[in-house]
Amino acid sequence: MGILKSQSEFMTYESTDQGMLVAIRKSEQSKIKKYWKTKDKTKVENLIGGFPFVQTDEQETLKIDFSKKLQFSIEHLKKFN
């Protein structure tokens, strides 16, 4: 029997300038790809909305904080595996 993987609508990135993990909707990834494919970065939007991960005390795990949607600089985002 195989292992089931859940399909999430979010991708996890690390914001290297703020030192935090960020959840970004898969539908927003086209903005990230467009930014990195464009040679003149000044003509492309540099910010993308995402939700920060916060640590829960009772389970000592990370969860997405949907109460705060923040803006992150695409150039400082690194895909987190």
PDB file of N, CA and C in Angstrom:
ATOM      1  N   MET A   1       0.842  -1.177   0.000  1.00  0.00           N
ATOM      2  CA  MET A   1       0.000   0.000   0.000  1.00  0.00           C
ATOM      3  C   MET A   1       0.887   1.240   0.000  1.00  0.00           C
ATOM      4  N   GLY A   2       0.552   2.204  -0.842  1.00  0.00           N
ATOM      5  CA  GLY A   2       1.357   3.412  -0.975  1.00  0.00           C
ATOM      6  C   GLY A   2       1.073   4.434   0.109  1.00  0.00           C
ATOM      7  N   ILE A   3       1.937   5.406   0.192  1.00  0.00           N
ATOM      8  CA  ILE A   3       1.774   6.503   1.144  1.00  0.00           C
ATOM      9  C   ILE A   3       0.950   7.594   0.478  1.00  0.00           C
ATOM     10  N   LEU A   4      -0.047   8.081   1.189  1.00  0.00           N
ATOM     11  CA  LEU A   4      -0.887   9.151   0.662  1.00  0.00           C
ATOM     12  C   LEU A   4      -0.253  10.494   0.951  1.00  0.00           C
ATOM     13  N   LYS A   5      -0.210  11.341  -0.058  1.00  0.00           N
ATOM     14  CA  LYS A   5       0.297  12.710   0.124  1.00  0.00           C
ATOM     15  C   LYS A   5      -0.869  13.666  -0.044  1.00  0.00           C
ATOM     16  N   SER A   6      -0.973  14.611   0.858  1.00  0.00           N
ATOM     17  CA  SER A   6      -2.039  15.598   0.731  1.00  0.00           C
ATOM     18  C   SER A   6      -1.592  16.692  -0.231  1.00  0.00           C
ATOM     19  N   GLN A   7      -2.504  17.128  -1.051  1.00  0.00           N
ATOM     20  CA  GLN A   7      -2.217  18.194  -2.004  1.00  0.00           C
ATOM     21  C   GLN A   7      -2.622  19.525  -1.367  1.00  0.00           C
ATOM     22  N   SER A   8      -1.674  20.348  -1.092  1.00  0.00           N
ATOM     23  CA  SER A   8      -1.930  21.647  -0.481  1.00  0.00           C
ATOM     24  C   SER A   8      -1.994  22.713  -1.566  1.00  0.00           C
ATOM     25  N   GLU A   9      -2.742  23.761  -1.299  1.00  0.00           N
ATOM     26  CA  GLU A   9      -2.796  24.859  -2.249  1.00  0.00           C
ATOM     27  C   GLU A   9      -1.701  25.885  -1.978  1.00  0.00           C
ATOM     28  N   PHE A  10      -0.816  25.573  -1.039  1.00  0.00           N
ATOM     29  CA  PHE A  10       0.270  26.479  -0.666  1.00  0.00           C
ATOM     30  C   PHE A  10       1.631  25.840  -0.900  1.00  0.00           C
ATOM     31  N   MET A  11       2.590  26.688  -1.230  1.00  0.00           N
ATOM     32  CA  MET A  11       3.994  26.286  -1.322  1.00  0.00           C
ATOM     33  C   MET A  11       4.722  26.987  -0.179  1.00  0.00           C
ATOM     34  N   THR A  12       5.739  26.334   0.352  1.00  0.00           N
ATOM     35  CA  THR A  12       6.497  26.899   1.466  1.00  0.00           C
ATOM     36  C   THR A  12       7.790  27.516   0.953  1.00  0.00           C
ATOM     37  N   TYR A  13       8.012  28.761   1.345  1.00  0.00           N
ATOM     38  CA  TYR A  13       9.228  29.496   0.991  1.00  0.00           C
ATOM     39  C   TYR A  13       9.863  30.022   2.263  1.00  0.00           C
ATOM     40  N   GLU A  14      11.145  30.275   2.185  1.00  0.00           N
ATOM     41  CA  GLU A  14      11.859  30.911   3.285  1.00  0.00           C
ATOM     42  C   GLU A  14      12.156  32.342   2.879  1.00  0.00           C
ATOM     43  N   SER A  15      11.790  33.288   3.722  1.00  0.00           N
ATOM     44  CA  SER A  15      12.130  34.683   3.499  1.00  0.00           C
ATOM     45  C   SER A  15      13.494  34.900   4.138  1.00  0.00           C
ATOM     46  N   THR A  16      14.536  34.963   3.299  1.00  0.00           N
ATOM     47  CA  THR A  16      15.902  35.011   3.820  1.00  0.00           C
ATOM     48  C   THR A  16      16.219  36.320   4.530  1.00  0.00           C
ATOM     49  N   ASP A  17      15.573  37.411   4.147  1.00  0.00           N
ATOM     50  CA  ASP A  17      15.859  38.682   4.814  1.00  0.00           C
ATOM     51  C   ASP A  17      15.151  38.797   6.163  1.00  0.00           C
ATOM     52  N   GLN A  18      14.004  38.111   6.322  1.00  0.00           N
ATOM     53  CA  GLN A  18      13.274  38.184   7.591  1.00  0.00           C
ATOM     54  C   GLN A  18      13.454  36.934   8.448  1.00  0.00           C
ATOM     55  N   GLY A  19      14.049  35.896   7.874  1.00  0.00           N
ATOM     56  CA  GLY A  19      14.317  34.680   8.634  1.00  0.00           C
ATOM     57  C   GLY A  19      13.068  33.952   9.081  1.00  0.00           C
ATOM     58  N   MET A  20      12.094  33.821   8.192  1.00  0.00           N
ATOM     59  CA  MET A  20      10.863  33.126   8.550  1.00  0.00           C
ATOM     60  C   MET A  20      10.362  32.301   7.372  1.00  0.00           C
ATOM     61  N   LEU A  21       9.535  31.309   7.687  1.00  0.00           N
ATOM     62  CA  LEU A  21       8.896  30.521   6.649  1.00  0.00           C
ATOM     63  C   LEU A  21       7.580  31.178   6.255  1.00  0.00           C
ATOM     64  N   VAL A  22       7.259  31.090   4.963  1.00  0.00           N
ATOM     65  CA  VAL A  22       6.098  31.769   4.410  1.00  0.00           C
ATOM     66  C   VAL A  22       5.310  30.788   3.551  1.00  0.00           C
ATOM     67  N   ALA A  23       3.994  30.833   3.654  1.00  0.00           N
ATOM     68  CA  ALA A  23       3.117  30.034   2.799  1.00  0.00           C
ATOM     69  C   ALA A  23       2.582  30.936   1.696  1.00  0.00           C
ATOM     70  N   ILE A  24       2.821  30.539   0.450  1.00  0.00           N
ATOM     71  CA  ILE A  24       2.361  31.312  -0.705  1.00  0.00           C
ATOM     72  C   ILE A  24       1.480  30.408  -1.552  1.00  0.00           C
ATOM     73  N   ARG A  25       0.341  30.937  -1.967  1.00  0.00           N
ATOM     74  CA  ARG A  25      -0.588  30.156  -2.781  1.00  0.00           C
ATOM     75  C   ARG A  25       0.075  29.728  -4.084  1.00  0.00           C
ATOM     76  N   LYS A  26      -0.233  28.510  -4.517  1.00  0.00           N
ATOM     77  CA  LYS A  26       0.320  28.006  -5.772  1.00  0.00           C
ATOM     78  C   LYS A  26      -0.108  28.884  -6.943  1.00  0.00           C
ATOM     79  N   SER A  27      -1.290  29.471  -6.855  1.00  0.00           N
ATOM     80  CA  SER A  27      -1.773  30.340  -7.932  1.00  0.00           C
ATOM     81  C   SER A  27      -0.937  31.610  -8.070  1.00  0.00           C
ATOM     82  N   GLU A  28      -0.206  31.970  -7.035  1.00  0.00           N
ATOM     83  CA  GLU A  28       0.645  33.166  -7.048  1.00  0.00           C
ATOM     84  C   GLU A  28       2.050  32.878  -7.591  1.00  0.00           C
ATOM     85  N   GLN A  29       2.367  31.612  -7.808  1.00  0.00           N
ATOM     86  CA  GLN A  29       3.711  31.266  -8.245  1.00  0.00           C
ATOM     87  C   GLN A  29       4.039  31.810  -9.627  1.00  0.00           C
ATOM     88  N   SER A  30       3.027  32.104 -10.421  1.00  0.00           N
ATOM     89  CA  SER A  30       3.302  32.673 -11.745  1.00  0.00           C
ATOM     90  C   SER A  30       4.005  34.023 -11.617  1.00  0.00           C
ATOM     91  N   LYS A  31       3.704  34.780 -10.560  1.00  0.00           N
ATOM     92  CA  LYS A  31       4.380  36.059 -10.328  1.00  0.00           C
ATOM     93  C   LYS A  31       5.869  35.842 -10.031  1.00  0.00           C
ATOM     94  N   ILE A  32       6.151  34.797  -9.256  1.00  0.00           N
ATOM     95  CA  ILE A  32       7.547  34.500  -8.908  1.00  0.00           C
ATOM     96  C   ILE A  32       8.314  34.068 -10.154  1.00  0.00           C
ATOM     97  N   LYS A  33       7.716  33.187 -10.940  1.00  0.00           N
ATOM     98  CA  LYS A  33       8.369  32.724 -12.167  1.00  0.00           C
ATOM     99  C   LYS A  33       8.581  33.864 -13.145  1.00  0.00           C
ATOM    100  N   LYS A  34       7.590  34.732 -13.270  1.00  0.00           N
ATOM    101  CA  LYS A  34       7.702  35.877 -14.184  1.00  0.00           C
ATOM    102  C   LYS A  34       8.839  36.792 -13.734  1.00  0.00           C
ATOM    103  N   TYR A  35       8.955  37.014 -12.421  1.00  0.00           N
ATOM    104  CA  TYR A  35      10.009  37.877 -11.897  1.00  0.00           C
ATOM    105  C   TYR A  35      11.394  37.331 -12.265  1.00  0.00           C
ATOM    106  N   TRP A  36      11.612  36.028 -12.065  1.00  0.00           N
ATOM    107  CA  TRP A  36      12.935  35.450 -12.310  1.00  0.00           C
ATOM    108  C   TRP A  36      13.239  35.299 -13.792  1.00  0.00           C
ATOM    109  N   LYS A  37      12.234  35.225 -14.657  1.00  0.00           N
ATOM    110  CA  LYS A  37      12.473  35.105 -16.098  1.00  0.00           C
ATOM    111  C   LYS A  37      12.730  36.450 -16.765  1.00  0.00           C
ATOM    112  N   THR A  38      12.297  37.541 -16.128  1.00  0.00           N
ATOM    113  CA  THR A  38      12.447  38.863 -16.698  1.00  0.00           C
ATOM    114  C   THR A  38      13.876  39.364 -16.498  1.00  0.00           C
ATOM    115  N   LYS A  39      14.466  39.865 -17.571  1.00  0.00           N
ATOM    116  CA  LYS A  39      15.842  40.381 -17.478  1.00  0.00           C
ATOM    117  C   LYS A  39      15.887  41.724 -16.754  1.00  0.00           C
ATOM    118  N   ASP A  40      14.952  42.629 -17.070  1.00  0.00           N
ATOM    119  CA  ASP A  40      14.899  43.937 -16.421  1.00  0.00           C
ATOM    120  C   ASP A  40      13.937  43.857 -15.236  1.00  0.00           C
ATOM    121  N   LYS A  41      14.459  43.576 -14.056  1.00  0.00           N
ATOM    122  CA  LYS A  41      13.653  43.345 -12.861  1.00  0.00           C
ATOM    123  C   LYS A  41      12.888  44.595 -12.399  1.00  0.00           C
ATOM    124  N   THR A  42      13.285  45.779 -12.870  1.00  0.00           N
ATOM    125  CA  THR A  42      12.605  47.004 -12.440  1.00  0.00           C
ATOM    126  C   THR A  42      11.215  47.133 -13.065  1.00  0.00           C
ATOM    127  N   LYS A  43      10.942  46.377 -14.127  1.00  0.00           N
ATOM    128  CA  LYS A  43       9.651  46.472 -14.807  1.00  0.00           C
ATOM    129  C   LYS A  43       8.632  45.460 -14.289  1.00  0.00           C
ATOM    130  N   VAL A  44       9.031  44.627 -13.347  1.00  0.00           N
ATOM    131  CA  VAL A  44       8.161  43.573 -12.829  1.00  0.00           C
ATOM    132  C   VAL A  44       7.896  43.828 -11.351  1.00  0.00           C
ATOM    133  N   GLU A  45       6.683  43.478 -10.913  1.00  0.00           N
ATOM    134  CA  GLU A  45       6.336  43.639  -9.500  1.00  0.00           C
ATOM    135  C   GLU A  45       7.231  42.754  -8.637  1.00  0.00           C
ATOM    136  N   ASN A  46       7.778  43.333  -7.571  1.00  0.00           N
ATOM    137  CA  ASN A  46       8.746  42.647  -6.718  1.00  0.00           C
ATOM    138  C   ASN A  46       8.108  42.064  -5.455  1.00  0.00           C
ATOM    139  N   LEU A  47       6.892  42.466  -5.121  1.00  0.00           N
ATOM    140  CA  LEU A  47       6.264  42.022  -3.876  1.00  0.00           C
ATOM    141  C   LEU A  47       5.176  40.991  -4.141  1.00  0.00           C
ATOM    142  N   ILE A  48       5.028  40.074  -3.196  1.00  0.00           N
ATOM    143  CA  ILE A  48       4.004  39.039  -3.288  1.00  0.00           C
ATOM    144  C   ILE A  48       3.419  38.831  -1.895  1.00  0.00           C
ATOM    145  N   GLY A  49       2.138  38.562  -1.835  1.00  0.00           N
ATOM    146  CA  GLY A  49       1.460  38.341  -0.558  1.00  0.00           C
ATOM    147  C   GLY A  49       1.627  36.908  -0.086  1.00  0.00           C
ATOM    148  N   GLY A  50       1.804  36.744   1.219  1.00  0.00           N
ATOM    149  CA  GLY A  50       1.952  35.407   1.790  1.00  0.00           C
ATOM    150  C   GLY A  50       1.604  35.411   3.262  1.00  0.00           C
ATOM    151  N   PHE A  51       1.495  34.213   3.809  1.00  0.00           N
ATOM    152  CA  PHE A  51       1.137  34.050   5.209  1.00  0.00           C
ATOM    153  C   PHE A  51       2.332  33.482   5.978  1.00  0.00           C
ATOM    154  N   PRO A  52       2.687  34.080   7.112  1.00  0.00           N
ATOM    155  CA  PRO A  52       3.830  33.580   7.881  1.00  0.00           C
ATOM    156  C   PRO A  52       3.475  32.308   8.659  1.00  0.00           C
ATOM    157  N   PHE A  53       4.474  31.498   8.924  1.00  0.00           N
ATOM    158  CA  PHE A  53       4.301  30.344   9.800  1.00  0.00           C
ATOM    159  C   PHE A  53       4.576  30.804  11.228  1.00  0.00           C
ATOM    160  N   VAL A  54       3.799  30.307  12.183  1.00  0.00           N
ATOM    161  CA  VAL A  54       4.018  30.601  13.596  1.00  0.00           C
ATOM    162  C   VAL A  54       4.119  29.285  14.350  1.00  0.00           C
ATOM    163  N   GLN A  55       4.811  29.312  15.481  1.00  0.00           N
ATOM    164  CA  GLN A  55       4.976  28.097  16.277  1.00  0.00           C
ATOM    165  C   GLN A  55       3.835  27.982  17.276  1.00  0.00           C
ATOM    166  N   THR A  56       3.254  26.796  17.362  1.00  0.00           N
ATOM    167  CA  THR A  56       2.212  26.539  18.355  1.00  0.00           C
ATOM    168  C   THR A  56       2.872  25.974  19.610  1.00  0.00           C
ATOM    169  N   ASP A  57       2.448  26.468  20.750  1.00  0.00           N
ATOM    170  CA  ASP A  57       3.043  26.034  22.008  1.00  0.00           C
ATOM    171  C   ASP A  57       2.550  24.655  22.437  1.00  0.00           C
ATOM    172  N   GLU A  58       1.265  24.380  22.221  1.00  0.00           N
ATOM    173  CA  GLU A  58       0.720  23.125  22.716  1.00  0.00           C
ATOM    174  C   GLU A  58       1.237  21.906  21.945  1.00  0.00           C
ATOM    175  N   GLN A  59       1.485  22.036  20.658  1.00  0.00           N
ATOM    176  CA  GLN A  59       1.971  20.890  19.888  1.00  0.00           C
ATOM    177  C   GLN A  59       3.432  21.036  19.472  1.00  0.00           C
ATOM    178  N   GLU A  60       4.015  22.191  19.717  1.00  0.00           N
ATOM    179  CA  GLU A  60       5.397  22.493  19.335  1.00  0.00           C
ATOM    180  C   GLU A  60       5.648  22.223  17.855  1.00  0.00           C
ATOM    181  N   THR A  61       4.733  22.709  17.029  1.00  0.00           N
ATOM    182  CA  THR A  61       4.839  22.584  15.574  1.00  0.00           C
ATOM    183  C   THR A  61       4.602  23.947  14.944  1.00  0.00           C
ATOM    184  N   LEU A  62       4.773  24.018  13.645  1.00  0.00           N
ATOM    185  CA  LEU A  62       4.498  25.251  12.909  1.00  0.00           C
ATOM    186  C   LEU A  62       3.141  25.157  12.234  1.00  0.00           C
ATOM    187  N   LYS A  63       2.443  26.288  12.178  1.00  0.00           N
ATOM    188  CA  LYS A  63       1.187  26.356  11.444  1.00  0.00           C
ATOM    189  C   LYS A  63       1.130  27.694  10.718  1.00  0.00           C
ATOM    190  N   ILE A  64       0.297  27.757   9.697  1.00  0.00           N
ATOM    191  CA  ILE A  64       0.151  28.987   8.920  1.00  0.00           C
ATOM    192  C   ILE A  64      -0.778  29.932   9.670  1.00  0.00           C
ATOM    193  N   ASP A  65      -0.359  31.179   9.812  1.00  0.00           N
ATOM    194  CA  ASP A  65      -1.167  32.202  10.472  1.00  0.00           C
ATOM    195  C   ASP A  65      -1.965  32.947   9.399  1.00  0.00           C
ATOM    196  N   PHE A  66      -3.222  32.545   9.214  1.00  0.00           N
ATOM    197  CA  PHE A  66      -4.060  33.146   8.185  1.00  0.00           C
ATOM    198  C   PHE A  66      -4.609  34.515   8.596  1.00  0.00           C
ATOM    199  N   SER A  67      -4.384  34.934   9.822  1.00  0.00           N
ATOM    200  CA  SER A  67      -4.887  36.232  10.263  1.00  0.00           C
ATOM    201  C   SER A  67      -4.021  37.388   9.765  1.00  0.00           C
ATOM    202  N   LYS A  68      -2.781  37.089   9.340  1.00  0.00           N
ATOM    203  CA  LYS A  68      -1.868  38.134   8.864  1.00  0.00           C
ATOM    204  C   LYS A  68      -1.393  37.806   7.458  1.00  0.00           C
ATOM    205  N   LYS A  69      -1.809  38.582   6.482  1.00  0.00           N
ATOM    206  CA  LYS A  69      -1.254  38.436   5.137  1.00  0.00           C
ATOM    207  C   LYS A  69      -0.223  39.554   4.984  1.00  0.00           C
ATOM    208  N   LEU A  70       1.024  39.157   4.761  1.00  0.00           N
ATOM    209  CA  LEU A  70       2.118  40.114   4.670  1.00  0.00           C
ATOM    210  C   LEU A  70       2.655  40.164   3.252  1.00  0.00           C
ATOM    211  N   GLN A  71       3.402  41.203   2.951  1.00  0.00           N
ATOM    212  CA  GLN A  71       4.063  41.358   1.656  1.00  0.00           C
ATOM    213  C   GLN A  71       5.526  40.963   1.799  1.00  0.00           C
ATOM    214  N   PHE A  72       6.001  40.166   0.845  1.00  0.00           N
ATOM    215  CA  PHE A  72       7.381  39.707   0.864  1.00  0.00           C
ATOM    216  C   PHE A  72       8.039  40.040  -0.466  1.00  0.00           C
ATOM    217  N   SER A  73       9.327  40.349  -0.413  1.00  0.00           N
ATOM    218  CA  SER A  73      10.107  40.632  -1.607  1.00  0.00           C
ATOM    219  C   SER A  73      10.466  39.308  -2.288  1.00  0.00           C
ATOM    220  N   ILE A  74      10.146  39.193  -3.570  1.00  0.00           N
ATOM    221  CA  ILE A  74      10.384  37.952  -4.305  1.00  0.00           C
ATOM    222  C   ILE A  74      11.874  37.612  -4.350  1.00  0.00           C
ATOM    223  N   GLU A  75      12.718  38.617  -4.458  1.00  0.00           N
ATOM    224  CA  GLU A  75      14.153  38.344  -4.559  1.00  0.00           C
ATOM    225  C   GLU A  75      14.720  37.702  -3.299  1.00  0.00           C
ATOM    226  N   HIS A  76      14.019  37.814  -2.166  1.00  0.00           N
ATOM    227  CA  HIS A  76      14.482  37.231  -0.900  1.00  0.00           C
ATOM    228  C   HIS A  76      13.778  35.916  -0.568  1.00  0.00           C
ATOM    229  N   LEU A  77      12.965  35.396  -1.486  1.00  0.00           N
ATOM    230  CA  LEU A  77      12.266  34.140  -1.229  1.00  0.00           C
ATOM    231  C   LEU A  77      13.058  32.978  -1.809  1.00  0.00           C
ATOM    232  N   LYS A  78      13.151  31.921  -1.023  1.00  0.00           N
ATOM    233  CA  LYS A  78      13.865  30.714  -1.436  1.00  0.00           C
ATOM    234  C   LYS A  78      12.930  29.535  -1.150  1.00  0.00           C
ATOM    235  N   LYS A  79      12.731  28.673  -2.143  1.00  0.00           N
ATOM    236  CA  LYS A  79      11.835  27.540  -1.957  1.00  0.00           C
ATOM    237  C   LYS A  79      12.357  26.642  -0.843  1.00  0.00           C
ATOM    238  N   PHE A  80      11.461  26.267   0.059  1.00  0.00           N
ATOM    239  CA  PHE A  80      11.816  25.451   1.212  1.00  0.00           C
ATOM    240  C   PHE A  80      11.314  24.030   0.968  1.00  0.00           C
ATOM    241  N   ASN A  81      12.202  23.056   1.067  1.00  0.00           N
ATOM    242  CA  ASN A  81      11.811  21.660   0.810  1.00  0.00           C
ATOM    243  C   ASN A  81      11.513  20.968   2.082  1.00  0.00           C
TER     244      ASN A  81
END
